[in-house]
């Protein structure tokens, strides 16, 4: 517990020292105030662009308005293997897997 407190105190002391030295070094750069650039025409009134219809092409594609609940979205069929089938498949793969040619066993000391 004592080494952990020593390490933590050294870490915090180093961080505090770095902040105090860093404030003295960076102060000339921070002395100039930051000026915000103004955009004079940002909130001015002007006419909007001409309205364009998305259905003018006549290709038979129409966009409907509204939302469909997520539960009603048709999902592709998804087949899940049962846990027993997965276990049998893993056991079969383990039996047919390549085994080590040489096994090294270390003698006890």
C-alpha atoms as a PDB file:
ATOM      1  CA  UNK A   1       0.000   0.000   0.000  1.00  0.00           C
ATOM      2  CA  UNK A   2       2.831   2.388   0.822  1.00  0.00           C
ATOM      3  CA  UNK A   3       4.558   1.999  -2.592  1.00  0.00           C
ATOM      4  CA  UNK A   4       1.270   2.686  -4.360  1.00  0.00           C
ATOM      5  CA  UNK A   5       0.776   5.915  -2.377  1.00  0.00           C
ATOM      6  CA  UNK A   6       4.356   6.945  -3.105  1.00  0.00           C
ATOM      7  CA  UNK A   7       3.924   6.375  -6.833  1.00  0.00           C
ATOM      8  CA  UNK A   8       0.584   8.243  -6.854  1.00  0.00           C
ATOM      9  CA  UNK A   9       2.036  11.214  -4.974  1.00  0.00           C
ATOM     10  CA  UNK A  10       5.010  11.397  -7.365  1.00  0.00           C
ATOM     11  CA  UNK A  11       2.650  11.278 -10.341  1.00  0.00           C
ATOM     12  CA  UNK A  12       0.428  14.069  -9.006  1.00  0.00           C
ATOM     13  CA  UNK A  13       3.424  16.191  -8.000  1.00  0.00           C
ATOM     14  CA  UNK A  14       4.903  15.861 -11.496  1.00  0.00           C
ATOM     15  CA  UNK A  15       1.579  16.792 -13.091  1.00  0.00           C
ATOM     16  CA  UNK A  16       1.190  19.875 -10.870  1.00  0.00           C
ATOM     17  CA  UNK A  17       4.748  20.986 -11.597  1.00  0.00           C
ATOM     18  CA  UNK A  18       4.174  20.579 -15.325  1.00  0.00           C
ATOM     19  CA  UNK A  19       1.039  22.704 -15.175  1.00  0.00           C
ATOM     20  CA  UNK A  20       2.743  25.492 -13.260  1.00  0.00           C
ATOM     21  CA  UNK A  21       5.725  25.594 -15.638  1.00  0.00           C
ATOM     22  CA  UNK A  22       3.493  25.264 -18.692  1.00  0.00           C
ATOM     23  CA  UNK A  23       1.379  28.229 -17.614  1.00  0.00           C
ATOM     24  CA  UNK A  24       4.459  30.458 -17.496  1.00  0.00           C
ATOM     25  CA  UNK A  25       5.692  29.342 -20.905  1.00  0.00           C
ATOM     26  CA  UNK A  26       2.335  29.537 -22.691  1.00  0.00           C
ATOM     27  CA  UNK A  27       1.181  32.844 -21.209  1.00  0.00           C
ATOM     28  CA  UNK A  28       2.696  35.064 -23.970  1.00  0.00           C
ATOM     29  CA  UNK A  29       0.753  33.108 -26.572  1.00  0.00           C
ATOM     30  CA  UNK A  30      -2.499  33.315 -24.650  1.00  0.00           C
ATOM     31  CA  UNK A  31      -2.227  37.051 -23.949  1.00  0.00           C
ATOM     32  CA  UNK A  32      -3.695  38.003 -27.349  1.00  0.00           C
ATOM     33  CA  UNK A  33      -7.487  37.752 -27.148  1.00  0.00           C
ATOM     34  CA  UNK A  34      -9.360  35.566 -29.586  1.00  0.00           C
ATOM     35  CA  UNK A  35     -11.579  37.530 -31.960  1.00  0.00           C
ATOM     36  CA  UNK A  36     -14.613  35.885 -33.514  1.00  0.00           C
ATOM     37  CA  UNK A  37     -15.039  36.404 -37.249  1.00  0.00           C
ATOM     38  CA  UNK A  38     -18.401  37.953 -38.048  1.00  0.00           C
ATOM     39  CA  UNK A  39     -20.471  36.882 -41.021  1.00  0.00           C
ATOM     40  CA  UNK A  40     -22.642  39.850 -41.883  1.00  0.00           C
ATOM     41  CA  UNK A  41     -24.838  38.120 -44.471  1.00  0.00           C
ATOM     42  CA  UNK A  42     -25.445  35.012 -42.395  1.00  0.00           C
ATOM     43  CA  UNK A  43     -28.889  36.079 -41.137  1.00  0.00           C
ATOM     44  CA  UNK A  44     -30.040  38.256 -44.022  1.00  0.00           C
ATOM     45  CA  UNK A  45     -33.309  37.671 -45.895  1.00  0.00           C
ATOM     46  CA  UNK A  46     -33.122  36.464 -49.485  1.00  0.00           C
ATOM     47  CA  UNK A  47     -35.305  34.402 -51.791  1.00  0.00           C
ATOM     48  CA  UNK A  48     -35.100  30.635 -51.798  1.00  0.00           C
ATOM     49  CA  UNK A  49     -34.161  28.519 -54.791  1.00  0.00           C
ATOM     50  CA  UNK A  50     -36.809  27.400 -57.288  1.00  0.00           C
ATOM     51  CA  UNK A  51     -38.786  24.369 -56.167  1.00  0.00           C
ATOM     52  CA  UNK A  52     -37.978  21.135 -57.995  1.00  0.00           C
ATOM     53  CA  UNK A  53     -40.140  18.027 -58.115  1.00  0.00           C
ATOM     54  CA  UNK A  54     -38.484  14.664 -57.585  1.00  0.00           C
ATOM     55  CA  UNK A  55     -41.152  12.825 -59.592  1.00  0.00           C
ATOM     56  CA  UNK A  56     -40.593  14.612 -62.943  1.00  0.00           C
ATOM     57  CA  UNK A  57     -38.574  11.771 -64.460  1.00  0.00           C
ATOM     58  CA  UNK A  58     -41.634   9.517 -64.836  1.00  0.00           C
ATOM     59  CA  UNK A  59     -39.742   6.295 -64.071  1.00  0.00           C
ATOM     60  CA  UNK A  60     -42.490   4.971 -61.804  1.00  0.00           C
ATOM     61  CA  UNK A  61     -40.583   5.404 -58.553  1.00  0.00           C
ATOM     62  CA  UNK A  62     -42.480   7.314 -55.906  1.00  0.00           C
ATOM     63  CA  UNK A  63     -41.396   8.095 -52.382  1.00  0.00           C
ATOM     64  CA  UNK A  64     -44.061   7.603 -49.747  1.00  0.00           C
ATOM     65  CA  UNK A  65     -44.212   9.683 -46.620  1.00  0.00           C
ATOM     66  CA  UNK A  66     -44.436   8.261 -43.149  1.00  0.00           C
ATOM     67  CA  UNK A  67     -42.642   5.672 -41.109  1.00  0.00           C
ATOM     68  CA  UNK A  68     -42.990   1.945 -40.765  1.00  0.00           C
ATOM     69  CA  UNK A  69     -42.454   0.326 -37.370  1.00  0.00           C
ATOM     70  CA  UNK A  70     -39.268  -1.688 -37.143  1.00  0.00           C
ATOM     71  CA  UNK A  71     -41.230  -4.773 -36.122  1.00  0.00           C
ATOM     72  CA  UNK A  72     -43.065  -4.724 -39.475  1.00  0.00           C
ATOM     73  CA  UNK A  73     -39.939  -4.538 -41.647  1.00  0.00           C
ATOM     74  CA  UNK A  74     -39.592  -7.834 -43.525  1.00  0.00           C
ATOM     75  CA  UNK A  75     -36.306  -9.508 -42.684  1.00  0.00           C
ATOM     76  CA  UNK A  76     -34.554 -12.165 -44.762  1.00  0.00           C
ATOM     77  CA  UNK A  77     -34.931 -15.690 -43.409  1.00  0.00           C
ATOM     78  CA  UNK A  78     -32.152 -16.537 -40.980  1.00  0.00           C
ATOM     79  CA  UNK A  79     -31.425 -20.111 -39.947  1.00  0.00           C
ATOM     80  CA  UNK A  80     -29.694 -20.617 -36.626  1.00  0.00           C
ATOM     81  CA  UNK A  81     -28.111 -23.917 -35.681  1.00  0.00           C
ATOM     82  CA  UNK A  82     -29.140 -25.397 -32.384  1.00  0.00           C
ATOM     83  CA  UNK A  83     -26.555 -25.552 -29.613  1.00  0.00           C
ATOM     84  CA  UNK A  84     -26.442 -29.348 -29.793  1.00  0.00           C
ATOM     85  CA  UNK A  85     -25.688 -29.269 -33.537  1.00  0.00           C
ATOM     86  CA  UNK A  86     -22.892 -26.766 -32.961  1.00  0.00           C
ATOM     87  CA  UNK A  87     -21.402 -28.952 -30.213  1.00  0.00           C
ATOM     88  CA  UNK A  88     -21.519 -32.037 -32.459  1.00  0.00           C
ATOM     89  CA  UNK A  89     -19.886 -30.117 -35.308  1.00  0.00           C
ATOM     90  CA  UNK A  90     -17.070 -28.903 -33.020  1.00  0.00           C
ATOM     91  CA  UNK A  91     -16.540 -32.405 -31.623  1.00  0.00           C
ATOM     92  CA  UNK A  92     -16.311 -33.851 -35.163  1.00  0.00           C
ATOM     93  CA  UNK A  93     -13.843 -31.122 -36.207  1.00  0.00           C
ATOM     94  CA  UNK A  94     -11.758 -31.806 -33.090  1.00  0.00           C
ATOM     95  CA  UNK A  95     -11.584 -35.527 -33.892  1.00  0.00           C
ATOM     96  CA  UNK A  96     -10.488 -34.940 -37.485  1.00  0.00           C
ATOM     97  CA  UNK A  97      -8.070 -32.085 -36.697  1.00  0.00           C
ATOM     98  CA  UNK A  98      -4.350 -32.601 -37.285  1.00  0.00           C
ATOM     99  CA  UNK A  99      -2.593 -33.711 -34.115  1.00  0.00           C
ATOM    100  CA  UNK A 100       0.898 -32.750 -32.984  1.00  0.00           C
ATOM    101  CA  UNK A 101       3.651 -35.069 -34.210  1.00  0.00           C
ATOM    102  CA  UNK A 102       5.822 -34.612 -31.110  1.00  0.00           C
ATOM    103  CA  UNK A 103       4.761 -33.840 -27.542  1.00  0.00           C
ATOM    104  CA  UNK A 104       7.397 -32.422 -25.220  1.00  0.00           C
ATOM    105  CA  UNK A 105       6.829 -33.134 -21.540  1.00  0.00           C
ATOM    106  CA  UNK A 106       9.136 -31.484 -19.055  1.00  0.00           C
ATOM    107  CA  UNK A 107      10.242 -33.539 -16.051  1.00  0.00           C
ATOM    108  CA  UNK A 108       9.600 -32.056 -12.614  1.00  0.00           C
ATOM    109  CA  UNK A 109      12.508 -30.346 -10.856  1.00  0.00           C
END
